[in-house]
Amino acid sequence: MAITPQVRVSQGGVSAVGEGEPDVRVSQAGVLAVGIIPAEYVEASQAGIQAVTFAETEVQVSQAGVMVVARGRVQDPVVRAWSFWLDNHWYYVLTLPTGYTLVWDTLAEQWYIWGSAESTKWRAFHGTNWLGSGALMDTYGSNVLVGDDGNGAVYLLDPEAQVDDSAILGAADPQTFRRRVTGQMVKRGNDYVRCYGVELMGSIGESTLTDVTLYTSDDVGHTFNNQGTVSITANDYSARCDWVGGLGSYTGPGRLFRVEDAGALQRIDWLEMMDGKNG
């Protein structure tokens, strides 16, 4: 069933136009299927188009045979599972049909959400440790070989990279890694605990990226307050991330602390709250 598409046919046979709002123009062509293309424009001249699906760009064909025009992430209704070994950790990866990638670190015994860009789904759709990678492991930082579900590329994971390569092959627009870590200070009872400040220690100074932001929540994560951004100087390995003053107080059930950065921290060792008893 088509949803208000505009279809123009000249000496052509159109079999199906479905689930979209495309502008389809055909001249001396046989269009078998144009599906799921919201607000797209498809034009064919003396061409046989068999399938155009999930496209996000204008498609124009002249005296050509187009089998499939496709662009986008893989829509997989099943759970995909694979594992890999990196830095003395075994990671178990679950890609869920809900659009999340859950990763279990067997050493830390923690679940994480790994995503690409602003998505909660990781582009690494499947992978394995390439035991015969040889010198490539030293060159690229690991022997973890993965396949991309968006552009079909196969690449090695680099655990020390400060930025992620572009999702579009050949494009020069790498993106920073956005990391988010959340912890909780549990409080029972109705009395208040004063929060004089927070100090973070980790791989400070080891990156050329600088900004680390602290958020707090006193309503079990429904809302978060921005407590400010600390800028770290590259190669200043003795620096600290401190947020002091103005952090107020909280009562039960406790306070959530969320740290976000875009590559400034490759590792967090600890986060300590100053309540007047420990500093």
Protein backbone atom coordinates (compact mmCIF):
# COMPACT_ATOMS: atom_id res chain seq x y z
CA MET A 1 0.00 0.00 0.00
CA ALA A 2 1.43 3.37 -0.99
CA ILE A 3 1.14 6.42 1.23
CA THR A 4 0.33 9.36 -1.06
CA PRO A 5 3.26 8.90 -3.47
CA GLN A 6 3.46 10.77 -6.69
CA VAL A 7 3.95 8.29 -9.53
CA ARG A 8 4.47 9.26 -13.15
CA VAL A 9 4.79 6.54 -15.79
CA SER A 10 5.59 6.79 -19.49
CA GLN A 11 5.78 3.51 -21.43
CA GLY A 12 6.65 1.76 -18.21
CA GLY A 13 5.32 -0.92 -15.94
CA VAL A 14 5.14 -0.23 -12.22
CA SER A 15 4.61 -3.29 -10.06
CA ALA A 16 4.76 -1.84 -6.55
CA VAL A 17 5.36 1.43 -4.76
CA GLY A 18 5.05 0.98 -1.02
CA GLU A 19 5.51 2.42 2.44
CA GLY A 20 6.89 5.82 1.63
CA GLU A 21 6.22 9.24 0.23
CA PRO A 22 8.54 9.28 -2.78
CA ASP A 23 8.28 11.19 -5.99
CA VAL A 24 8.74 8.42 -8.58
CA ARG A 25 9.09 9.28 -12.27
CA VAL A 26 9.55 6.52 -14.83
CA SER A 27 10.24 6.76 -18.55
CA GLN A 28 10.52 3.57 -20.61
CA ALA A 29 11.35 1.66 -17.47
CA GLY A 30 10.09 -1.21 -15.40
CA VAL A 31 9.98 -0.46 -11.70
CA LEU A 32 9.43 -3.55 -9.61
CA ALA A 33 9.59 -2.09 -6.12
CA VAL A 34 10.21 1.26 -4.47
CA GLY A 35 9.78 0.83 -0.76
CA ILE A 36 10.24 2.65 2.53
CA ILE A 37 11.70 5.86 1.16
CA PRO A 38 10.26 8.79 3.14
CA ALA A 39 10.24 12.02 1.17
CA GLU A 40 12.60 10.75 -1.50
CA TYR A 41 12.94 11.49 -5.18
CA VAL A 42 13.57 8.66 -7.62
CA GLU A 43 13.86 9.29 -11.35
CA ALA A 44 14.55 6.67 -14.03
CA SER A 45 15.02 6.94 -17.75
CA GLN A 46 15.25 3.77 -19.88
CA ALA A 47 16.18 1.84 -16.79
CA GLY A 48 15.09 -1.21 -14.90
CA ILE A 49 14.85 -0.57 -11.19
CA GLN A 50 14.20 -3.70 -9.17
CA ALA A 51 14.51 -2.40 -5.63
CA VAL A 52 15.14 0.94 -3.98
CA THR A 53 14.91 0.67 -0.22
CA PHE A 54 15.91 2.62 2.86
CA ALA A 55 17.57 5.28 0.69
CA GLU A 56 18.24 8.74 2.08
CA THR A 57 19.58 10.39 -1.05
CA GLU A 58 18.23 11.39 -4.43
CA VAL A 59 18.43 8.53 -6.92
CA GLN A 60 18.57 9.29 -10.66
CA VAL A 61 19.17 6.65 -13.31
CA SER A 62 19.68 7.01 -17.06
CA GLN A 63 19.93 3.94 -19.34
CA ALA A 64 21.09 1.78 -16.48
CA GLY A 65 19.94 -1.28 -14.59
CA VAL A 66 19.75 -0.70 -10.86
CA MET A 67 19.32 -3.80 -8.71
CA VAL A 68 19.39 -2.32 -5.20
CA VAL A 69 19.96 1.13 -3.74
CA ALA A 70 20.39 0.79 0.03
CA ARG A 71 21.81 2.88 2.81
CA GLY A 72 21.53 2.60 6.55
CA ARG A 73 22.12 0.39 9.56
CA VAL A 74 21.20 -3.28 9.55
CA GLN A 75 17.72 -3.98 10.94
CA ASP A 76 18.19 -7.36 12.59
CA PRO A 77 15.26 -8.88 14.53
CA VAL A 78 17.48 -11.37 16.39
CA VAL A 79 20.09 -11.13 19.14
CA ARG A 80 23.69 -11.34 17.92
CA ALA A 81 26.41 -12.54 20.29
CA TRP A 82 30.19 -12.70 19.96
CA SER A 83 33.23 -12.26 22.18
CA PHE A 84 36.81 -11.03 22.02
CA TRP A 85 39.94 -10.78 24.18
CA LEU A 86 41.61 -7.39 24.73
CA ASP A 87 44.00 -6.09 27.40
CA ASN A 88 43.58 -9.20 29.57
CA HIS A 89 39.79 -8.82 29.50
CA TRP A 90 37.23 -11.09 27.88
CA TYR A 91 34.33 -9.09 26.46
CA TYR A 92 30.98 -10.68 25.61
CA VAL A 93 28.98 -8.59 23.11
CA LEU A 94 25.20 -8.73 22.70
CA THR A 95 23.59 -6.69 19.92
CA LEU A 96 19.87 -6.47 20.71
CA PRO A 97 17.01 -5.85 18.26
CA THR A 98 15.95 -2.93 20.48
CA GLY A 99 18.93 -0.92 19.22
CA TYR A 100 21.32 -1.46 22.13
CA THR A 101 24.71 -3.14 22.28
CA LEU A 102 25.43 -4.60 25.73
CA VAL A 103 29.00 -5.61 26.59
CA TRP A 104 29.90 -7.77 29.59
CA ASP A 105 33.44 -7.42 30.96
CA THR A 106 34.19 -10.77 32.58
CA LEU A 107 37.09 -9.37 34.63
CA ALA A 108 35.32 -6.29 35.98
CA GLU A 109 32.00 -8.20 36.14
CA GLN A 110 30.17 -5.17 34.76
CA TRP A 111 27.70 -4.54 31.94
CA TYR A 112 28.31 -1.59 29.62
CA ILE A 113 26.44 0.01 26.72
CA TRP A 114 28.71 0.51 23.71
CA GLY A 115 27.48 2.68 20.86
CA SER A 116 28.68 4.63 17.85
CA ALA A 117 28.33 8.42 17.69
CA GLU A 118 25.06 9.28 19.49
CA SER A 119 23.60 5.82 18.96
CA THR A 120 23.33 3.15 21.66
CA LYS A 121 24.14 0.53 19.02
CA TRP A 122 27.77 -0.31 18.23
CA ARG A 123 28.69 -0.44 14.56
CA ALA A 124 30.88 -3.49 15.20
CA PHE A 125 28.27 -6.06 14.24
CA HIS A 126 30.45 -9.13 14.61
CA GLY A 127 34.10 -9.90 15.24
CA THR A 128 36.80 -12.21 16.52
CA ASN A 129 40.45 -12.27 17.58
CA TRP A 130 42.58 -12.74 14.48
CA LEU A 131 45.26 -15.12 15.72
CA GLY A 132 47.25 -14.87 12.50
CA SER A 133 47.33 -11.07 12.32
CA GLY A 134 51.10 -10.93 12.85
CA ALA A 135 52.60 -7.44 12.76
CA LEU A 136 49.16 -5.88 12.21
CA MET A 137 48.50 -6.23 15.92
CA ASP A 138 51.50 -4.02 16.74
CA THR A 139 50.55 -1.53 14.02
CA TYR A 140 46.87 -1.13 14.90
CA GLY A 141 46.90 -1.86 18.62
CA SER A 142 44.98 -5.14 18.71
CA ASN A 143 44.09 -8.27 16.75
CA VAL A 144 40.34 -7.76 17.23
CA LEU A 145 38.89 -7.92 13.72
CA VAL A 146 35.31 -6.60 13.39
CA GLY A 147 32.77 -5.98 10.65
CA ASP A 148 30.77 -2.74 10.35
CA ASP A 149 27.01 -3.13 9.99
CA GLY A 150 26.57 0.22 8.25
CA ASN A 151 29.19 0.43 5.51
CA GLY A 152 30.36 -3.19 5.39
CA ALA A 153 33.96 -2.33 6.26
CA VAL A 154 36.25 -4.76 8.09
CA TYR A 155 38.78 -3.25 10.47
CA LEU A 156 40.90 -3.78 13.59
CA LEU A 157 40.02 -2.15 16.91
CA ASP A 158 42.60 0.33 18.21
CA PRO A 159 42.20 0.64 22.01
CA GLU A 160 44.49 3.68 22.16
CA ALA A 161 42.83 5.75 19.43
CA GLN A 162 41.59 9.16 20.58
CA VAL A 163 39.00 9.49 17.81
CA ASP A 164 36.79 7.08 15.87
CA ASP A 165 37.05 6.84 12.10
CA SER A 166 34.20 8.16 10.00
CA ALA A 167 31.27 5.84 9.40
CA ILE A 168 31.43 6.76 5.71
CA LEU A 169 34.36 5.17 3.90
CA GLY A 170 36.89 7.76 2.77
CA ALA A 171 35.29 10.67 4.63
CA ALA A 172 37.56 12.85 6.74
CA ASP A 173 35.23 13.48 9.66
CA PRO A 174 36.35 11.27 12.58
CA GLN A 175 34.37 11.58 15.79
CA THR A 176 35.50 11.67 19.40
CA PHE A 177 34.54 8.86 21.75
CA ARG A 178 31.84 9.90 24.22
CA ARG A 179 32.30 8.05 27.51
CA ARG A 180 29.79 8.06 30.33
CA VAL A 181 30.34 6.46 33.75
CA THR A 182 27.71 6.54 36.52
CA GLY A 183 28.12 5.66 40.20
CA GLN A 184 26.00 6.08 43.32
CA MET A 185 26.41 7.13 46.93
CA VAL A 186 23.66 5.26 48.78
CA LYS A 187 21.90 7.03 51.66
CA ARG A 188 19.28 5.58 53.99
CA GLY A 189 17.07 7.67 56.22
CA ASN A 190 15.81 11.25 56.02
CA ASP A 191 18.83 13.15 57.32
CA TYR A 192 21.04 15.05 54.85
CA VAL A 193 24.61 14.44 53.77
CA ARG A 194 26.71 17.45 52.77
CA CYS A 195 28.68 17.16 49.51
CA TYR A 196 31.67 19.51 49.69
CA GLY A 197 33.21 18.34 46.43
CA VAL A 198 34.23 15.48 44.19
CA GLU A 199 37.69 14.40 43.05
CA LEU A 200 38.44 12.09 40.11
CA MET A 201 41.68 10.27 39.34
CA GLY A 202 42.50 8.39 36.15
CA SER A 203 44.54 8.65 32.95
CA ILE A 204 44.75 12.44 33.25
CA GLY A 205 47.10 14.20 30.84
CA GLU A 206 47.50 11.24 28.48
CA SER A 207 45.25 12.71 25.78
CA THR A 208 45.20 15.92 23.76
CA LEU A 209 41.43 16.10 24.41
CA THR A 210 40.61 18.05 27.53
CA ASP A 211 37.01 18.37 28.75
CA VAL A 212 35.48 16.29 31.57
CA THR A 213 31.97 17.11 32.86
CA LEU A 214 30.30 16.07 36.13
CA TYR A 215 26.53 15.60 36.50
CA THR A 216 24.60 14.74 39.67
CA SER A 217 21.10 13.40 40.25
CA ASP A 218 19.15 13.27 43.52
CA ASP A 219 16.00 11.71 42.00
CA VAL A 220 17.39 8.28 41.02
CA GLY A 221 18.41 9.41 37.55
CA HIS A 222 15.25 11.10 36.29
CA THR A 223 17.02 14.46 36.02
CA PHE A 224 20.70 15.44 36.15
CA ASN A 225 22.34 18.75 37.13
CA ASN A 226 25.46 19.94 35.33
CA GLN A 227 28.12 20.65 37.96
CA GLY A 228 30.64 22.08 35.51
CA THR A 229 33.38 21.09 33.09
CA VAL A 230 37.05 20.68 33.98
CA SER A 231 39.66 21.20 31.27
CA ILE A 232 42.74 19.00 31.49
CA THR A 233 46.13 20.04 30.11
CA ALA A 234 47.81 17.49 27.86
CA ASN A 235 50.97 15.91 29.38
CA ASP A 236 50.11 17.27 32.86
CA TYR A 237 50.11 13.86 34.51
CA SER A 238 49.96 15.18 38.09
CA ALA A 239 46.71 17.12 37.52
CA ARG A 240 43.44 16.27 39.23
CA CYS A 241 39.81 16.64 38.26
CA ASP A 242 38.13 18.49 41.13
CA TRP A 243 34.63 19.88 41.49
CA VAL A 244 34.38 21.81 44.75
CA GLY A 245 31.76 24.09 46.25
CA GLY A 246 28.13 24.41 45.29
CA LEU A 247 27.36 20.68 45.21
CA GLY A 248 24.81 21.01 48.01
CA SER A 249 23.46 18.11 50.06
CA TYR A 250 21.27 15.08 49.51
CA THR A 251 19.15 12.61 51.42
CA GLY A 252 17.84 9.10 50.77
CA PRO A 253 17.97 7.11 48.59
CA GLY A 254 21.27 8.79 47.68
CA ARG A 255 23.00 10.66 44.87
CA LEU A 256 24.09 9.57 41.40
CA PHE A 257 27.37 10.92 40.01
CA ARG A 258 27.85 10.82 36.24
CA VAL A 259 31.15 11.65 34.54
CA GLU A 260 31.19 12.35 30.80
CA ASP A 261 34.11 13.06 28.50
CA ALA A 262 34.85 12.89 24.78
CA GLY A 263 38.21 11.17 24.92
CA ALA A 264 40.02 13.07 27.67
CA LEU A 265 39.97 9.99 29.94
CA GLN A 266 40.91 6.55 28.71
CA ARG A 267 40.69 5.22 32.24
CA ILE A 268 39.02 6.20 35.54
CA ASP A 269 40.67 4.87 38.70
CA TRP A 270 38.35 6.28 41.32
CA LEU A 271 35.85 9.04 42.13
CA GLU A 272 35.76 10.28 45.73
CA MET A 273 33.16 12.51 47.36
CA MET A 274 34.28 14.90 50.10
CA ASP A 275 31.67 14.88 52.89
CA GLY A 276 33.73 16.53 55.64
CA LYS A 277 34.84 13.20 57.02
CA ASN A 278 37.36 12.23 54.33
CA GLY A 279 38.51 15.64 53.20
